[in-house]
Amino acid sequence: MTGTQLIRFNCQLNAKRAELLRSIHTLRNSMAIDNRGDSLDRGRKATDREIVLQNLSLESELLRRVEGALQEIQEGTFGICATCERPIPNQRLQAVPWSPYCVSCQEAEEVQAGFGMMASLGGESAHAGSRSIRSS
């Protein structure tokens, strides 16, 4: 990977990180507990809070992945599949720059875990955890 490509990915990832931090801040601020109103209102508010918590969890996981990719740029390991240790194709990184896996390994991980291709986290399954799973 060229230095220019790394700079571009670093910029994209930093922009995504800033976007996620803003989103997480907004989500946290929207979780005020308000017990006013009748039982129907309180039930709706509880449901709304649950949705916010789910979104907060997804955004936080994506933030961990983005920060992991930024760390890999610093360490010089960005773009290497965490499973097979082969280079992740540039087309994959352009689509999902925080991905720790090539497409083949991602699909194998999802099949093993019982998931199909998931749209959440930009095509990454939520079970995959952080980018620090790479073996030495």
N, C-alpha and C. Protein backbone atom coordinates (compact mmCIF):
# COMPACT_ATOMS: atom_id res chain seq x y z
N MET A 1 0.85 -1.17 0.00
CA MET A 1 0.00 0.00 0.00
C MET A 1 0.90 1.23 0.00
N THR A 2 0.52 2.20 -0.81
CA THR A 2 1.33 3.41 -0.93
C THR A 2 1.08 4.35 0.25
N GLY A 3 2.01 5.25 0.43
CA GLY A 3 1.86 6.26 1.47
C GLY A 3 0.65 7.15 1.24
N THR A 4 0.37 7.45 -0.02
CA THR A 4 -0.79 8.27 -0.36
C THR A 4 -2.08 7.56 0.03
N GLN A 5 -2.15 6.25 -0.23
CA GLN A 5 -3.34 5.47 0.14
C GLN A 5 -3.51 5.46 1.66
N LEU A 6 -2.42 5.28 2.38
CA LEU A 6 -2.50 5.27 3.85
C LEU A 6 -2.98 6.61 4.38
N ILE A 7 -2.49 7.69 3.80
CA ILE A 7 -2.93 9.03 4.23
C ILE A 7 -4.42 9.18 3.97
N ARG A 8 -4.90 8.72 2.80
CA ARG A 8 -6.32 8.83 2.47
C ARG A 8 -7.16 8.01 3.46
N PHE A 9 -6.73 6.76 3.74
CA PHE A 9 -7.48 5.95 4.69
C PHE A 9 -7.44 6.57 6.09
N ASN A 10 -6.31 7.11 6.48
CA ASN A 10 -6.19 7.77 7.78
C ASN A 10 -7.18 8.94 7.88
N CYS A 11 -7.28 9.73 6.81
CA CYS A 11 -8.24 10.85 6.80
C CYS A 11 -9.67 10.35 6.87
N GLN A 12 -10.00 9.32 6.09
CA GLN A 12 -11.35 8.76 6.11
C GLN A 12 -11.70 8.22 7.49
N LEU A 13 -10.78 7.49 8.08
CA LEU A 13 -11.03 6.90 9.40
C LEU A 13 -11.16 7.96 10.47
N ASN A 14 -10.33 9.00 10.41
CA ASN A 14 -10.45 10.09 11.39
C ASN A 14 -11.77 10.83 11.24
N ALA A 15 -12.22 11.02 10.00
CA ALA A 15 -13.52 11.66 9.78
C ALA A 15 -14.65 10.78 10.32
N LYS A 16 -14.56 9.47 10.09
CA LYS A 16 -15.58 8.55 10.60
C LYS A 16 -15.55 8.55 12.13
N ARG A 17 -14.36 8.59 12.71
CA ARG A 17 -14.23 8.62 14.17
C ARG A 17 -14.91 9.86 14.74
N ALA A 18 -14.67 11.02 14.13
CA ALA A 18 -15.30 12.27 14.59
C ALA A 18 -16.82 12.18 14.46
N GLU A 19 -17.30 11.63 13.35
CA GLU A 19 -18.74 11.46 13.15
C GLU A 19 -19.34 10.56 14.23
N LEU A 20 -18.66 9.45 14.53
CA LEU A 20 -19.16 8.52 15.54
C LEU A 20 -19.15 9.14 16.93
N LEU A 21 -18.10 9.89 17.25
CA LEU A 21 -18.05 10.55 18.56
C LEU A 21 -19.20 11.54 18.72
N ARG A 22 -19.51 12.29 17.66
CA ARG A 22 -20.65 13.22 17.71
C ARG A 22 -21.95 12.44 17.89
N SER A 23 -22.10 11.36 17.15
CA SER A 23 -23.32 10.56 17.22
C SER A 23 -23.49 9.94 18.61
N ILE A 24 -22.42 9.41 19.17
CA ILE A 24 -22.48 8.81 20.50
C ILE A 24 -22.84 9.87 21.54
N HIS A 25 -22.26 11.05 21.41
CA HIS A 25 -22.57 12.15 22.33
C HIS A 25 -24.05 12.51 22.25
N THR A 26 -24.57 12.61 21.03
CA THR A 26 -25.99 12.93 20.82
C THR A 26 -26.88 11.84 21.41
N LEU A 27 -26.53 10.58 21.16
CA LEU A 27 -27.33 9.47 21.69
C LEU A 27 -27.34 9.49 23.22
N ARG A 28 -26.18 9.69 23.83
CA ARG A 28 -26.11 9.73 25.30
C ARG A 28 -26.95 10.86 25.87
N ASN A 29 -26.92 12.01 25.19
CA ASN A 29 -27.71 13.15 25.67
C ASN A 29 -29.20 12.94 25.51
N SER A 30 -29.61 12.06 24.61
CA SER A 30 -31.03 11.84 24.37
C SER A 30 -31.64 10.82 25.31
N MET A 31 -30.86 10.28 26.22
CA MET A 31 -31.34 9.21 27.10
C MET A 31 -31.89 9.71 28.43
N ALA A 32 -32.28 10.95 28.51
CA ALA A 32 -32.83 11.47 29.77
C ALA A 32 -34.07 10.67 30.15
N ILE A 33 -34.15 10.31 31.41
CA ILE A 33 -35.30 9.55 31.90
C ILE A 33 -36.38 10.52 32.32
N ASP A 34 -37.54 10.33 31.72
CA ASP A 34 -38.68 11.20 32.00
C ASP A 34 -39.86 10.29 32.33
N ASN A 35 -40.27 10.28 33.58
CA ASN A 35 -41.37 9.42 34.02
C ASN A 35 -42.72 10.13 34.04
N ARG A 36 -42.79 11.28 33.39
CA ARG A 36 -44.07 11.99 33.33
C ARG A 36 -44.99 11.31 32.33
N GLY A 37 -46.27 11.56 32.45
CA GLY A 37 -47.24 11.02 31.52
C GLY A 37 -47.87 9.74 32.04
N ASP A 38 -48.80 9.23 31.27
CA ASP A 38 -49.50 8.01 31.69
C ASP A 38 -48.64 6.78 31.36
N SER A 39 -49.18 5.61 31.66
CA SER A 39 -48.41 4.38 31.47
C SER A 39 -48.07 4.14 30.00
N LEU A 40 -48.92 4.55 29.10
CA LEU A 40 -48.63 4.41 27.67
C LEU A 40 -47.44 5.27 27.27
N ASP A 41 -47.41 6.51 27.76
CA ASP A 41 -46.28 7.41 27.50
C ASP A 41 -44.99 6.85 28.07
N ARG A 42 -45.05 6.34 29.30
CA ARG A 42 -43.85 5.78 29.94
C ARG A 42 -43.37 4.54 29.18
N GLY A 43 -44.30 3.74 28.69
CA GLY A 43 -43.92 2.56 27.91
C GLY A 43 -43.25 2.95 26.60
N ARG A 44 -43.78 3.96 25.93
CA ARG A 44 -43.17 4.44 24.69
C ARG A 44 -41.78 4.99 24.94
N LYS A 45 -41.63 5.74 26.03
CA LYS A 45 -40.33 6.31 26.37
C LYS A 45 -39.32 5.22 26.71
N ALA A 46 -39.78 4.17 27.38
CA ALA A 46 -38.88 3.05 27.69
C ALA A 46 -38.43 2.35 26.41
N THR A 47 -39.36 2.19 25.48
CA THR A 47 -39.01 1.58 24.19
C THR A 47 -38.02 2.47 23.44
N ASP A 48 -38.26 3.76 23.45
CA ASP A 48 -37.35 4.70 22.79
C ASP A 48 -35.95 4.61 23.40
N ARG A 49 -35.88 4.53 24.73
CA ARG A 49 -34.57 4.41 25.40
C ARG A 49 -33.87 3.12 25.00
N GLU A 50 -34.62 2.04 24.87
CA GLU A 50 -34.03 0.76 24.47
C GLU A 50 -33.44 0.86 23.06
N ILE A 51 -34.14 1.53 22.17
CA ILE A 51 -33.63 1.72 20.81
C ILE A 51 -32.36 2.55 20.83
N VAL A 52 -32.36 3.60 21.64
CA VAL A 52 -31.17 4.44 21.77
C VAL A 52 -30.00 3.62 22.31
N LEU A 53 -30.24 2.77 23.30
CA LEU A 53 -29.18 1.92 23.85
C LEU A 53 -28.62 0.97 22.80
N GLN A 54 -29.49 0.39 21.99
CA GLN A 54 -29.02 -0.49 20.91
C GLN A 54 -28.17 0.28 19.91
N ASN A 55 -28.63 1.46 19.52
CA ASN A 55 -27.86 2.28 18.59
C ASN A 55 -26.53 2.71 19.20
N LEU A 56 -26.55 3.04 20.47
CA LEU A 56 -25.32 3.41 21.17
C LEU A 56 -24.33 2.25 21.18
N SER A 57 -24.81 1.05 21.40
CA SER A 57 -23.96 -0.13 21.39
C SER A 57 -23.33 -0.35 20.00
N LEU A 58 -24.13 -0.23 18.95
CA LEU A 58 -23.62 -0.41 17.59
C LEU A 58 -22.60 0.67 17.24
N GLU A 59 -22.90 1.91 17.57
CA GLU A 59 -21.99 3.01 17.27
C GLU A 59 -20.67 2.85 18.05
N SER A 60 -20.77 2.41 19.30
CA SER A 60 -19.57 2.21 20.12
C SER A 60 -18.70 1.10 19.56
N GLU A 61 -19.31 0.02 19.09
CA GLU A 61 -18.56 -1.08 18.49
C GLU A 61 -17.87 -0.62 17.21
N LEU A 62 -18.57 0.13 16.41
CA LEU A 62 -17.97 0.66 15.18
C LEU A 62 -16.82 1.61 15.51
N LEU A 63 -16.99 2.42 16.54
CA LEU A 63 -15.91 3.31 16.97
C LEU A 63 -14.67 2.51 17.37
N ARG A 64 -14.88 1.40 18.09
CA ARG A 64 -13.73 0.55 18.47
C ARG A 64 -13.02 0.02 17.23
N ARG A 65 -13.77 -0.36 16.22
CA ARG A 65 -13.17 -0.87 14.99
C ARG A 65 -12.40 0.23 14.24
N VAL A 66 -12.99 1.41 14.18
CA VAL A 66 -12.33 2.53 13.51
C VAL A 66 -11.04 2.88 14.24
N GLU A 67 -11.09 2.95 15.56
CA GLU A 67 -9.88 3.25 16.33
C GLU A 67 -8.85 2.14 16.18
N GLY A 68 -9.30 0.90 16.06
CA GLY A 68 -8.38 -0.21 15.82
C GLY A 68 -7.67 -0.06 14.47
N ALA A 69 -8.42 0.35 13.45
CA ALA A 69 -7.82 0.55 12.13
C ALA A 69 -6.82 1.70 12.16
N LEU A 70 -7.14 2.77 12.89
CA LEU A 70 -6.20 3.89 13.02
C LEU A 70 -4.93 3.43 13.73
N GLN A 71 -5.08 2.58 14.74
CA GLN A 71 -3.91 2.05 15.44
C GLN A 71 -3.06 1.19 14.49
N GLU A 72 -3.71 0.41 13.66
CA GLU A 72 -2.98 -0.42 12.70
C GLU A 72 -2.21 0.43 11.69
N ILE A 73 -2.77 1.58 11.31
CA ILE A 73 -2.03 2.48 10.43
C ILE A 73 -0.75 2.91 11.14
N GLN A 74 -0.88 3.28 12.41
CA GLN A 74 0.29 3.70 13.20
C GLN A 74 1.33 2.58 13.29
N GLU A 75 0.85 1.34 13.45
CA GLU A 75 1.75 0.19 13.63
C GLU A 75 2.27 -0.38 12.32
N GLY A 76 1.72 0.07 11.20
CA GLY A 76 2.15 -0.44 9.91
C GLY A 76 1.51 -1.77 9.53
N THR A 77 0.41 -2.14 10.17
CA THR A 77 -0.25 -3.42 9.87
C THR A 77 -1.62 -3.23 9.23
N PHE A 78 -1.96 -2.01 8.88
CA PHE A 78 -3.27 -1.74 8.27
C PHE A 78 -3.39 -2.46 6.94
N GLY A 79 -4.56 -3.04 6.70
CA GLY A 79 -4.82 -3.69 5.42
C GLY A 79 -4.39 -5.15 5.37
N ILE A 80 -4.07 -5.73 6.51
CA ILE A 80 -3.69 -7.14 6.60
C ILE A 80 -4.82 -7.87 7.32
N CYS A 81 -5.32 -8.94 6.72
CA CYS A 81 -6.42 -9.70 7.31
C CYS A 81 -6.01 -10.30 8.65
N ALA A 82 -6.86 -10.14 9.65
CA ALA A 82 -6.58 -10.64 10.99
C ALA A 82 -6.61 -12.17 11.06
N THR A 83 -7.24 -12.81 10.07
CA THR A 83 -7.34 -14.26 10.08
C THR A 83 -6.27 -14.93 9.23
N CYS A 84 -6.23 -14.58 7.94
CA CYS A 84 -5.31 -15.26 7.03
C CYS A 84 -3.98 -14.53 6.86
N GLU A 85 -3.90 -13.29 7.37
CA GLU A 85 -2.71 -12.44 7.32
C GLU A 85 -2.26 -12.10 5.91
N ARG A 86 -3.18 -12.18 4.96
CA ARG A 86 -2.91 -11.73 3.59
C ARG A 86 -3.44 -10.30 3.45
N PRO A 87 -2.94 -9.57 2.47
CA PRO A 87 -3.44 -8.21 2.27
C PRO A 87 -4.94 -8.21 1.96
N ILE A 88 -5.65 -7.28 2.56
CA ILE A 88 -7.06 -7.07 2.26
C ILE A 88 -7.11 -6.27 0.97
N PRO A 89 -7.88 -6.72 -0.03
CA PRO A 89 -7.94 -5.98 -1.30
C PRO A 89 -8.35 -4.52 -1.10
N ASN A 90 -7.75 -3.66 -1.89
CA ASN A 90 -8.00 -2.22 -1.78
C ASN A 90 -9.49 -1.91 -1.95
N GLN A 91 -10.17 -2.62 -2.83
CA GLN A 91 -11.60 -2.39 -3.04
C GLN A 91 -12.38 -2.64 -1.75
N ARG A 92 -12.01 -3.67 -1.00
CA ARG A 92 -12.65 -3.97 0.29
C ARG A 92 -12.38 -2.85 1.29
N LEU A 93 -11.13 -2.41 1.35
CA LEU A 93 -10.78 -1.34 2.29
C LEU A 93 -11.47 -0.02 1.93
N GLN A 94 -11.66 0.22 0.64
CA GLN A 94 -12.37 1.44 0.25
C GLN A 94 -13.83 1.37 0.71
N ALA A 95 -14.42 0.18 0.68
CA ALA A 95 -15.81 0.02 1.09
C ALA A 95 -15.95 0.02 2.61
N VAL A 96 -15.04 -0.69 3.30
CA VAL A 96 -15.12 -0.84 4.76
C VAL A 96 -13.69 -0.71 5.32
N PRO A 97 -13.17 0.53 5.43
CA PRO A 97 -11.78 0.69 5.83
C PRO A 97 -11.45 0.21 7.24
N TRP A 98 -12.45 0.01 8.08
CA TRP A 98 -12.21 -0.47 9.45
C TRP A 98 -12.29 -1.98 9.53
N SER A 99 -12.45 -2.66 8.41
CA SER A 99 -12.59 -4.11 8.43
C SER A 99 -11.27 -4.80 8.78
N PRO A 100 -11.30 -5.72 9.75
CA PRO A 100 -10.09 -6.48 10.07
C PRO A 100 -9.93 -7.73 9.20
N TYR A 101 -10.91 -7.98 8.31
CA TYR A 101 -10.91 -9.22 7.54
C TYR A 101 -11.06 -8.97 6.04
N CYS A 102 -10.48 -9.87 5.26
CA CYS A 102 -10.79 -9.90 3.83
C CYS A 102 -12.20 -10.49 3.70
N VAL A 103 -12.79 -10.39 2.52
CA VAL A 103 -14.16 -10.85 2.32
C VAL A 103 -14.30 -12.34 2.63
N SER A 104 -13.37 -13.16 2.15
CA SER A 104 -13.45 -14.61 2.38
C SER A 104 -13.45 -14.95 3.86
N CYS A 105 -12.55 -14.35 4.60
CA CYS A 105 -12.47 -14.64 6.04
C CYS A 105 -13.67 -14.08 6.78
N GLN A 106 -14.18 -12.92 6.35
CA GLN A 106 -15.38 -12.35 6.97
C GLN A 106 -16.56 -13.29 6.78
N GLU A 107 -16.73 -13.80 5.56
CA GLU A 107 -17.83 -14.72 5.28
C GLU A 107 -17.68 -16.00 6.10
N ALA A 108 -16.46 -16.52 6.21
CA ALA A 108 -16.23 -17.73 7.01
C ALA A 108 -16.55 -17.49 8.48
N GLU A 109 -16.19 -16.32 9.00
CA GLU A 109 -16.49 -15.97 10.39
C GLU A 109 -18.00 -15.93 10.61
N GLU A 110 -18.71 -15.33 9.65
CA GLU A 110 -20.16 -15.21 9.78
C GLU A 110 -20.86 -16.56 9.69
N VAL A 111 -20.39 -17.42 8.80
CA VAL A 111 -20.98 -18.76 8.68
C VAL A 111 -20.74 -19.53 9.97
N GLN A 112 -19.53 -19.46 10.48
CA GLN A 112 -19.18 -20.17 11.72
C GLN A 112 -20.04 -19.68 12.89
N ALA A 113 -20.34 -18.40 12.92
CA ALA A 113 -21.13 -17.83 14.02
C ALA A 113 -22.63 -17.90 13.74
N GLY A 114 -23.01 -18.34 12.54
CA GLY A 114 -24.42 -18.45 12.22
C GLY A 114 -25.04 -17.18 11.70
N PHE A 115 -24.24 -16.27 11.19
CA PHE A 115 -24.73 -15.01 10.65
C PHE A 115 -24.65 -15.06 9.13
N GLY A 116 -25.56 -14.32 8.48
CA GLY A 116 -25.41 -14.05 7.06
C GLY A 116 -24.69 -12.72 6.93
N MET A 117 -24.50 -12.25 5.72
CA MET A 117 -23.89 -10.93 5.56
C MET A 117 -24.79 -9.92 6.25
N MET A 118 -24.21 -9.12 7.10
CA MET A 118 -24.99 -8.17 7.90
C MET A 118 -24.68 -6.76 7.45
N ALA A 119 -25.71 -5.96 7.40
CA ALA A 119 -25.54 -4.57 7.00
C ALA A 119 -25.01 -3.73 8.16
N SER A 120 -25.26 -4.18 9.39
CA SER A 120 -24.80 -3.38 10.53
C SER A 120 -23.29 -3.32 10.55
N LEU A 121 -22.75 -2.22 11.00
CA LEU A 121 -21.32 -1.98 11.09
C LEU A 121 -20.65 -2.03 9.73
N GLY A 122 -21.36 -1.63 8.71
CA GLY A 122 -20.77 -1.55 7.38
C GLY A 122 -20.39 -2.89 6.81
N GLY A 123 -21.21 -3.90 7.05
CA GLY A 123 -20.95 -5.22 6.51
C GLY A 123 -20.23 -6.13 7.48
N GLU A 124 -19.85 -5.63 8.61
CA GLU A 124 -19.16 -6.43 9.61
C GLU A 124 -20.18 -7.00 10.57
N SER A 125 -20.03 -8.24 10.95
CA SER A 125 -20.95 -8.81 11.93
C SER A 125 -20.58 -8.31 13.32
N ALA A 126 -21.58 -8.13 14.14
CA ALA A 126 -21.36 -7.54 15.46
C ALA A 126 -20.58 -8.47 16.38
N HIS A 127 -20.50 -9.76 16.07
CA HIS A 127 -19.83 -10.70 16.97
C HIS A 127 -18.32 -10.67 16.85
N ALA A 128 -17.78 -10.04 15.84
CA ALA A 128 -16.37 -10.18 15.51
C ALA A 128 -15.43 -9.52 16.51
N GLY A 129 -15.92 -8.61 17.33
CA GLY A 129 -15.07 -8.04 18.38
C GLY A 129 -14.10 -7.01 17.85
N SER A 130 -13.03 -6.80 18.59
CA SER A 130 -12.09 -5.74 18.23
C SER A 130 -11.07 -6.24 17.23
N ARG A 131 -10.28 -5.32 16.73
CA ARG A 131 -9.29 -5.64 15.72
C ARG A 131 -8.06 -6.28 16.32
N SER A 132 -7.97 -6.36 17.62
CA SER A 132 -6.75 -6.85 18.26
C SER A 132 -6.68 -8.36 18.33
N ILE A 133 -7.45 -9.06 17.49
CA ILE A 133 -7.46 -10.52 17.53
C ILE A 133 -6.35 -11.13 16.70
N ARG A 134 -5.62 -10.30 16.01
CA ARG A 134 -4.57 -10.77 15.11
C ARG A 134 -3.53 -11.59 15.88
N SER A 135 -3.18 -12.73 15.33
CA SER A 135 -2.14 -13.55 15.97
C SER A 135 -0.78 -13.16 15.44
N SER A 136 0.25 -13.39 16.23
CA SER A 136 1.60 -12.99 15.85
C SER A 136 2.26 -14.04 15.01
